[in-house]
Amino acid sequence: MKLIHVFALIGALFVAGPAQADDIDDCNGNAPDRAVRGCTRVIADRALPKTALALAYGQRGFAYFNLGHVQAAKADFTAATKQDPRNAHLWYLLGYLCISEGDNTEGVRYMTKALELLPNNANYHLERGVAHSRLGNSEQAIIDYTNAIRIDKRFALAHFNRGVAYWQRENHQAAIADLSTSIGLDPQYAPAYLRRGMYNYALKQYHLVLADLDEAVRLNPANPEALFQRGRIHFVYERYDNAIADNSKAIALNPRAKGPWTNRGISYVRTEQYDLALKDLNTALELDPIDAFARYNRAVVHAIKGNYRIARDDIDAAIELRPKHADQFYVRGIIKAALGDQTGGIIDRERAVELEPRLGEIGTGVLRPIEYFAKN
């Protein structure tokens, strides 16, 4: 979100003397420190009209916001609304700060006050939509974004936000359409390419994904999420070296995100770099112990390395997390057989084939080698 500053100049509201004029110039200025000092001197003059005093509080609040003093800004915007409750933009500013601080319920309340006073402001609808979305009310968010678009058909961010909200409501076609409109209106907005790429990936429209993620990375090469998502599509197309490269960059930018560690780890599995795979999967599971996919792949690596008892612990945990994943039962069957439990191995293998017939020749009792699951 971007805080919008549209205050009128305070001096236009009353006749000021020379000393006041200097203070007003500072208060209206772009230097936040000077604005705070100037506005404070203006506010001290209680002879000001309420509308001018409200703007002085608003200007100082805006300066405080730019200095990172959010609570001081909120106090000033609150004081401003008391001086001039008919100024819609003051309610917008107060709502914006609430939303930025995570108080979305209050954000909706204040944005609604702003819209009661100025119902055709597209930005007010947009920000209230953001608050509704963060409260989990995607349906109301869509209404607000739609109103913003009705007021300003070229409002790219409103199309982007509505696309995200449509996706949350599983209206996938509308989501993709809105993201495409957003890109058409603002082709330099990297998040729209990233989202469209992610959504097409989820829809298995893989042929549409890479171009969007390439553009997202080109526009913002320091975005670890874009690099991670591009690594995923490289993995799908078995371009494992590219997947490793993208995930390595993502890890360097954000080592606390588990996704790139998992994705790079399984890319190492596919390229038979098992020691490197094990290190990455260990890290992924330190970051997220219930990552079933990482635990399953670590079980495969341990089994390949002959660490069957450790592999058994991992595969048991993976099955508990994902009890209907056929490959996991088949792998546990291999591990059980390697540990001497032939009957248990056959039972697990048969369960795997029940879930996914592609896994094997029913009735032969022959287990596929563990390396098969490192490649598939």
Protein backbone atom coordinates (compact mmCIF):
# COMPACT_ATOMS: atom_id res chain seq x y z
CA MET A 1 0.00 0.00 0.00
CA LYS A 2 1.07 3.58 -0.62
CA LEU A 3 0.07 6.44 1.65
CA ILE A 4 -1.46 9.18 -0.49
CA HIS A 5 -0.87 12.81 0.47
CA VAL A 6 -3.37 15.30 -0.96
CA PHE A 7 -3.60 18.02 1.70
CA ALA A 8 -4.37 21.56 0.70
CA LEU A 9 -1.78 24.14 1.77
CA ILE A 10 -2.60 25.30 5.28
CA GLY A 11 -1.81 28.93 4.48
CA ALA A 12 -4.61 29.02 1.94
CA LEU A 13 -7.17 28.72 4.75
CA PHE A 14 -6.36 31.90 6.70
CA VAL A 15 -4.28 35.07 6.63
CA ALA A 16 -0.94 34.50 8.36
CA GLY A 17 1.65 36.92 9.68
CA PRO A 18 5.35 36.71 8.68
CA ALA A 19 6.36 34.39 11.54
CA GLN A 20 3.39 32.12 10.95
CA ALA A 21 4.13 32.09 7.24
CA ASP A 22 7.60 30.60 7.87
CA ASP A 23 6.15 27.94 10.14
CA ILE A 24 3.47 27.12 7.59
CA ASP A 25 6.08 26.83 4.83
CA ASP A 26 8.00 24.34 6.96
CA CYS A 27 4.81 22.46 7.82
CA ASN A 28 3.84 22.22 4.16
CA GLY A 29 7.37 21.26 3.09
CA ASN A 30 8.78 17.94 1.97
CA ALA A 31 11.50 17.62 4.63
CA PRO A 32 9.90 15.50 7.39
CA ASP A 33 12.02 16.79 10.30
CA ARG A 34 11.35 20.41 9.40
CA ALA A 35 7.69 19.63 8.76
CA VAL A 36 7.31 18.18 12.27
CA ARG A 37 8.88 21.28 13.84
CA GLY A 38 6.92 23.71 11.67
CA CYS A 39 3.60 21.93 12.16
CA THR A 40 4.18 21.75 15.92
CA ARG A 41 4.57 25.54 16.03
CA VAL A 42 1.48 25.98 13.87
CA ILE A 43 -0.56 23.64 16.10
CA ALA A 44 0.51 25.64 19.17
CA ASP A 45 -1.42 28.61 17.76
CA ARG A 46 -4.90 27.75 19.02
CA ALA A 47 -6.36 30.75 17.22
CA LEU A 48 -6.31 28.84 13.96
CA PRO A 49 -9.57 27.79 12.31
CA LYS A 50 -10.37 24.13 13.02
CA THR A 51 -9.98 23.17 9.38
CA ALA A 52 -6.47 24.67 9.30
CA LEU A 53 -5.57 23.04 12.61
CA ALA A 54 -6.79 19.69 11.25
CA LEU A 55 -4.50 20.05 8.24
CA ALA A 56 -1.55 20.93 10.48
CA TYR A 57 -2.15 17.74 12.47
CA GLY A 58 -2.49 15.86 9.20
CA GLN A 59 0.73 17.31 7.78
CA ARG A 60 2.62 16.48 10.95
CA GLY A 61 1.15 13.00 10.99
CA PHE A 62 2.26 12.49 7.41
CA ALA A 63 5.78 13.69 8.34
CA TYR A 64 5.85 11.35 11.34
CA PHE A 65 4.81 8.49 9.07
CA ASN A 66 7.68 9.23 6.69
CA LEU A 67 10.04 9.22 9.67
CA GLY A 68 8.76 5.80 10.73
CA HIS A 69 6.97 7.06 13.85
CA VAL A 70 3.70 5.25 13.19
CA GLN A 71 2.07 5.72 16.60
CA ALA A 72 2.79 9.47 16.59
CA ALA A 73 1.32 9.65 13.08
CA LYS A 74 -1.78 7.78 14.20
CA ALA A 75 -2.24 10.14 17.17
CA ASP A 76 -2.01 13.16 14.88
CA PHE A 77 -4.43 11.76 12.32
CA THR A 78 -6.88 10.99 15.14
CA ALA A 79 -6.55 14.56 16.42
CA ALA A 80 -7.06 15.85 12.88
CA THR A 81 -10.36 13.95 12.46
CA LYS A 82 -11.62 15.50 15.69
CA GLN A 83 -10.85 18.98 14.38
CA ASP A 84 -12.40 18.35 10.96
CA PRO A 85 -14.56 15.22 10.84
CA ARG A 86 -15.81 16.13 7.35
CA ASN A 87 -12.37 15.70 5.78
CA ALA A 88 -12.53 12.30 4.08
CA HIS A 89 -8.80 12.08 3.51
CA LEU A 90 -8.06 12.29 7.23
CA TRP A 91 -10.24 9.24 7.82
CA TYR A 92 -8.44 7.50 4.94
CA LEU A 93 -5.07 8.21 6.55
CA LEU A 94 -6.23 6.89 9.89
CA GLY A 95 -7.62 3.78 8.24
CA TYR A 96 -4.46 3.27 6.25
CA LEU A 97 -2.31 3.33 9.38
CA CYS A 98 -4.59 0.85 11.12
CA ILE A 99 -4.34 -1.51 8.15
CA SER A 100 -0.55 -1.12 7.99
CA GLU A 101 -0.38 -2.05 11.69
CA GLY A 102 -2.59 -5.12 11.22
CA ASP A 103 -5.75 -3.66 12.79
CA ASN A 104 -7.90 -4.39 9.76
CA THR A 105 -11.22 -4.17 11.60
CA GLU A 106 -10.53 -0.55 12.53
CA GLY A 107 -9.12 -0.02 9.06
CA VAL A 108 -12.45 -1.04 7.52
CA ARG A 109 -14.29 1.26 9.93
CA TYR A 110 -12.23 4.33 9.09
CA MET A 111 -12.17 3.63 5.34
CA THR A 112 -15.96 3.33 5.47
CA LYS A 113 -16.13 6.80 7.09
CA ALA A 114 -13.93 8.14 4.29
CA LEU A 115 -16.18 6.58 1.67
CA GLU A 116 -19.32 7.97 3.28
CA LEU A 117 -17.84 11.42 2.70
CA LEU A 118 -16.23 10.74 -0.67
CA PRO A 119 -17.84 7.64 -2.23
CA ASN A 120 -16.18 7.96 -5.64
CA ASN A 121 -12.57 7.71 -4.49
CA ALA A 122 -11.04 4.62 -6.05
CA ASN A 123 -8.12 4.50 -3.59
CA TYR A 124 -10.46 4.39 -0.59
CA HIS A 125 -12.30 1.41 -2.09
CA LEU A 126 -8.97 -0.28 -2.85
CA GLU A 127 -7.64 0.07 0.70
CA ARG A 128 -10.89 -1.08 2.28
CA GLY A 129 -10.73 -4.08 -0.03
CA VAL A 130 -7.22 -4.81 1.25
CA ALA A 131 -8.50 -4.75 4.84
CA HIS A 132 -11.46 -7.02 3.99
CA SER A 133 -9.10 -9.44 2.24
CA ARG A 134 -6.80 -9.59 5.25
CA LEU A 135 -9.81 -10.30 7.44
CA GLY A 136 -10.59 -13.29 5.21
CA ASN A 137 -13.61 -11.63 3.60
CA SER A 138 -12.63 -12.04 -0.03
CA GLU A 139 -16.22 -11.61 -1.25
CA GLN A 140 -16.48 -8.11 0.23
CA ALA A 141 -12.95 -7.35 -0.98
CA ILE A 142 -14.04 -8.18 -4.55
CA ILE A 143 -16.94 -5.73 -4.22
CA ASP A 144 -14.56 -2.97 -3.12
CA TYR A 145 -12.04 -3.70 -5.87
CA THR A 146 -14.85 -3.78 -8.43
CA ASN A 147 -16.02 -0.36 -7.25
CA ALA A 148 -12.47 0.96 -7.54
CA ILE A 149 -12.34 -0.35 -11.13
CA ARG A 150 -15.76 1.15 -11.89
CA ILE A 151 -14.41 4.54 -10.83
CA ASP A 152 -11.05 4.09 -12.56
CA LYS A 153 -11.01 1.43 -15.26
CA ARG A 154 -7.24 1.80 -15.65
CA PHE A 155 -6.51 1.09 -12.00
CA ALA A 156 -3.97 -1.71 -12.46
CA LEU A 157 -3.54 -2.44 -8.75
CA ALA A 158 -7.28 -2.88 -8.27
CA HIS A 159 -7.30 -5.48 -11.08
CA PHE A 160 -4.31 -7.21 -9.48
CA ASN A 161 -5.90 -7.31 -6.03
CA ARG A 162 -9.23 -8.49 -7.42
CA GLY A 163 -7.42 -11.24 -9.30
CA VAL A 164 -5.88 -12.46 -6.04
CA ALA A 165 -9.27 -12.33 -4.32
CA TYR A 166 -10.91 -14.25 -7.18
CA TRP A 167 -8.24 -16.93 -6.82
CA GLN A 168 -9.01 -17.20 -3.10
CA ARG A 169 -12.61 -17.88 -4.03
CA GLU A 170 -11.48 -20.48 -6.61
CA ASN A 171 -12.70 -18.42 -9.56
CA HIS A 172 -9.55 -19.25 -11.46
CA GLN A 173 -10.48 -17.91 -14.89
CA ALA A 174 -11.51 -14.53 -13.47
CA ALA A 175 -8.29 -14.41 -11.46
CA ILE A 176 -6.10 -15.00 -14.51
CA ALA A 177 -8.12 -12.49 -16.54
CA ASP A 178 -7.70 -9.75 -13.94
CA LEU A 179 -3.97 -10.39 -13.62
CA SER A 180 -3.65 -10.20 -17.40
CA THR A 181 -5.53 -6.87 -17.41
CA SER A 182 -3.26 -5.60 -14.64
CA ILE A 183 -0.19 -6.52 -16.67
CA GLY A 184 -1.62 -4.80 -19.73
CA LEU A 185 -2.17 -1.61 -17.73
CA ASP A 186 1.14 -1.73 -15.87
CA PRO A 187 3.66 -4.02 -17.61
CA GLN A 188 6.37 -3.06 -15.09
CA TYR A 189 4.55 -4.50 -12.06
CA ALA A 190 6.50 -7.66 -11.22
CA PRO A 191 4.02 -9.16 -8.67
CA ALA A 192 1.38 -9.55 -11.39
CA TYR A 193 3.70 -11.73 -13.49
CA LEU A 194 4.67 -13.71 -10.40
CA ARG A 195 1.07 -14.36 -9.40
CA ARG A 196 -0.05 -15.29 -12.91
CA GLY A 197 2.89 -17.67 -13.18
CA MET A 198 2.09 -19.24 -9.81
CA TYR A 199 -1.59 -19.62 -10.64
CA ASN A 200 -0.92 -21.22 -14.02
CA TYR A 201 1.53 -23.56 -12.29
CA ALA A 202 -1.22 -24.57 -9.84
CA LEU A 203 -3.53 -25.19 -12.82
CA LYS A 204 -0.78 -27.29 -14.46
CA GLN A 205 -0.68 -24.90 -17.41
CA TYR A 206 3.08 -25.29 -17.36
CA HIS A 207 3.65 -23.95 -20.86
CA LEU A 208 2.38 -20.54 -19.69
CA VAL A 209 4.48 -20.32 -16.54
CA LEU A 210 8.12 -19.78 -17.46
CA ALA A 211 7.69 -16.59 -19.51
CA ASP A 212 5.85 -14.91 -16.63
CA LEU A 213 8.42 -15.97 -14.05
CA ASP A 214 11.28 -14.89 -16.31
CA GLU A 215 9.67 -11.43 -16.49
CA ALA A 216 9.05 -11.34 -12.73
CA VAL A 217 12.74 -12.09 -12.11
CA ARG A 218 13.87 -9.59 -14.75
CA LEU A 219 11.82 -6.83 -13.15
CA ASN A 220 12.88 -7.75 -9.63
CA PRO A 221 15.94 -10.02 -9.57
CA ALA A 222 16.16 -9.73 -5.77
CA ASN A 223 12.76 -11.34 -5.14
CA PRO A 224 13.44 -14.79 -3.62
CA GLU A 225 9.85 -15.94 -4.19
CA ALA A 226 10.09 -15.32 -7.93
CA LEU A 227 13.38 -17.23 -8.10
CA PHE A 228 11.94 -20.11 -6.08
CA GLN A 229 8.84 -20.33 -8.26
CA ARG A 230 10.98 -20.30 -11.42
CA GLY A 231 13.08 -23.04 -9.88
CA ARG A 232 9.94 -25.12 -9.48
CA ILE A 233 9.01 -24.89 -13.17
CA HIS A 234 12.60 -25.70 -14.15
CA PHE A 235 12.25 -28.81 -11.98
CA VAL A 236 9.01 -29.81 -13.75
CA TYR A 237 10.83 -29.64 -17.09
CA GLU A 238 13.78 -31.60 -15.64
CA ARG A 239 16.16 -28.66 -16.02
CA TYR A 240 17.71 -29.50 -12.69
CA ASP A 241 20.83 -27.35 -13.04
CA ASN A 242 18.62 -24.31 -13.65
CA ALA A 243 16.43 -25.27 -10.70
CA ILE A 244 19.50 -25.55 -8.47
CA ALA A 245 20.79 -22.18 -9.66
CA ASP A 246 17.48 -20.37 -9.04
CA ASN A 247 16.94 -21.93 -5.65
CA SER A 248 20.52 -21.15 -4.63
CA LYS A 249 19.87 -17.47 -5.38
CA ALA A 250 16.59 -17.61 -3.46
CA ILE A 251 18.35 -19.17 -0.46
CA ALA A 252 21.04 -16.48 -0.50
CA LEU A 253 18.31 -13.81 -0.41
CA ASN A 254 16.13 -15.49 2.21
CA PRO A 255 17.71 -18.45 4.00
CA ARG A 256 14.72 -18.79 6.37
CA ALA A 257 12.27 -19.85 3.65
CA LYS A 258 12.07 -23.64 3.54
CA GLY A 259 10.71 -23.99 -0.02
CA PRO A 260 13.98 -23.31 -1.86
CA TRP A 261 15.87 -25.72 0.42
CA THR A 262 13.36 -28.48 -0.37
CA ASN A 263 13.32 -27.73 -4.09
CA ARG A 264 17.10 -27.58 -4.36
CA GLY A 265 17.36 -30.73 -2.26
CA ILE A 266 15.11 -32.76 -4.54
CA SER A 267 16.95 -31.33 -7.56
CA TYR A 268 20.14 -32.71 -6.06
CA VAL A 269 18.35 -36.05 -5.59
CA ARG A 270 17.43 -36.10 -9.27
CA THR A 271 21.06 -35.41 -10.22
CA GLU A 272 22.35 -38.08 -7.80
CA GLN A 273 24.17 -35.55 -5.62
CA TYR A 274 22.94 -37.28 -2.49
CA ASP A 275 25.21 -35.69 0.11
CA LEU A 276 24.19 -32.21 -1.03
CA ALA A 277 20.56 -33.33 -1.15
CA LEU A 278 20.74 -34.58 2.41
CA LYS A 279 22.16 -31.27 3.68
CA ASP A 280 19.40 -29.27 2.00
CA LEU A 281 16.61 -31.57 3.13
CA ASN A 282 17.95 -31.49 6.68
CA THR A 283 17.79 -27.69 6.59
CA ALA A 284 14.29 -27.71 5.10
CA LEU A 285 13.08 -29.96 7.92
CA GLU A 286 14.76 -27.83 10.57
CA LEU A 287 12.75 -24.90 9.20
CA ASP A 288 9.54 -26.92 8.82
CA PRO A 289 9.46 -30.33 10.55
CA ILE A 290 6.07 -31.19 9.01
CA ASP A 291 7.18 -30.76 5.39
CA ALA A 292 6.05 -34.22 4.22
CA PHE A 293 7.64 -33.87 0.78
CA ALA A 294 11.07 -33.06 2.25
CA ARG A 295 10.75 -35.92 4.74
CA TYR A 296 9.77 -38.37 2.01
CA ASN A 297 12.70 -37.36 -0.17
CA ARG A 298 15.10 -37.56 2.77
CA ALA A 299 13.84 -41.09 3.40
CA VAL A 300 14.67 -41.96 -0.22
CA VAL A 301 18.17 -40.50 0.12
CA HIS A 302 18.84 -42.36 3.37
CA ALA A 303 17.62 -45.59 1.77
CA ILE A 304 19.92 -45.10 -1.23
CA LYS A 305 22.81 -44.54 1.17
CA GLY A 306 21.87 -47.72 3.06
CA ASN A 307 20.67 -45.89 6.21
CA TYR A 308 17.49 -47.94 6.36
CA ARG A 309 16.60 -47.42 10.01
CA ILE A 310 16.84 -43.65 9.69
CA ALA A 311 14.94 -43.90 6.39
CA ARG A 312 12.20 -45.89 8.17
CA ASP A 313 11.68 -43.12 10.72
CA ASP A 314 11.41 -40.51 7.97
CA ILE A 315 9.04 -42.49 5.78
CA ASP A 316 6.79 -43.33 8.74
CA ALA A 317 6.56 -39.63 9.55
CA ALA A 318 5.88 -38.77 5.89
CA ILE A 319 3.03 -41.31 5.70
CA GLU A 320 1.51 -39.92 8.89
CA LEU A 321 1.55 -36.46 7.30
CA ARG A 322 0.34 -37.64 3.85
CA PRO A 323 -1.51 -40.93 4.37
CA LYS A 324 -2.74 -41.28 0.78
CA HIS A 325 0.49 -40.76 -1.14
CA ALA A 326 1.19 -43.99 -3.00
CA ASP A 327 4.93 -43.51 -3.55
CA GLN A 328 5.49 -43.25 0.17
CA PHE A 329 3.96 -46.68 0.83
CA TYR A 330 6.02 -48.21 -1.95
CA VAL A 331 9.22 -46.69 -0.57
CA ARG A 332 8.38 -47.95 2.91
CA GLY A 333 7.84 -51.37 1.41
CA ILE A 334 11.37 -51.27 0.01
CA ILE A 335 12.77 -50.10 3.33
CA LYS A 336 10.90 -52.76 5.31
CA ALA A 337 12.17 -55.46 2.98
CA ALA A 338 15.74 -54.17 3.34
CA LEU A 339 15.34 -54.39 7.13
CA GLY A 340 14.18 -58.01 6.86
CA ASP A 341 10.42 -57.48 7.07
CA GLN A 342 9.44 -59.06 3.75
CA THR A 343 5.77 -59.47 4.66
CA GLY A 344 5.46 -55.85 5.77
CA GLY A 345 7.19 -54.80 2.59
CA ILE A 346 4.68 -56.64 0.41
CA ILE A 347 1.73 -55.22 2.38
CA ASP A 348 2.98 -51.67 1.90
CA ARG A 349 3.71 -52.26 -1.74
CA GLU A 350 0.21 -53.64 -2.32
CA ARG A 351 -1.26 -50.63 -0.55
CA ALA A 352 0.75 -48.39 -2.88
CA VAL A 353 -0.59 -50.16 -5.95
CA GLU A 354 -4.15 -49.81 -4.63
CA LEU A 355 -3.61 -46.07 -4.43
CA GLU A 356 -1.73 -45.81 -7.74
CA PRO A 357 -1.79 -48.78 -10.15
CA ARG A 358 1.12 -47.38 -12.18
CA LEU A 359 3.42 -48.49 -9.38
CA GLY A 360 3.62 -52.01 -10.37
CA GLU A 361 3.14 -55.50 -11.48
CA ILE A 362 0.45 -56.82 -9.16
CA GLY A 363 1.06 -60.30 -7.85
CA THR A 364 4.75 -60.60 -8.70
CA GLY A 365 5.99 -59.41 -5.32
CA VAL A 366 8.81 -57.63 -7.14
CA LEU A 367 9.75 -54.27 -5.57
CA ARG A 368 11.00 -51.48 -7.78
CA PRO A 369 14.50 -50.31 -6.81
CA ILE A 370 14.76 -47.30 -4.52
CA GLU A 371 16.61 -45.42 -7.29
CA TYR A 372 13.35 -45.37 -9.25
CA PHE A 373 11.86 -43.06 -6.63
CA ALA A 374 14.91 -40.82 -6.73
CA LYS A 375 14.19 -40.26 -10.44
CA ASN A 376 10.39 -39.95 -10.34
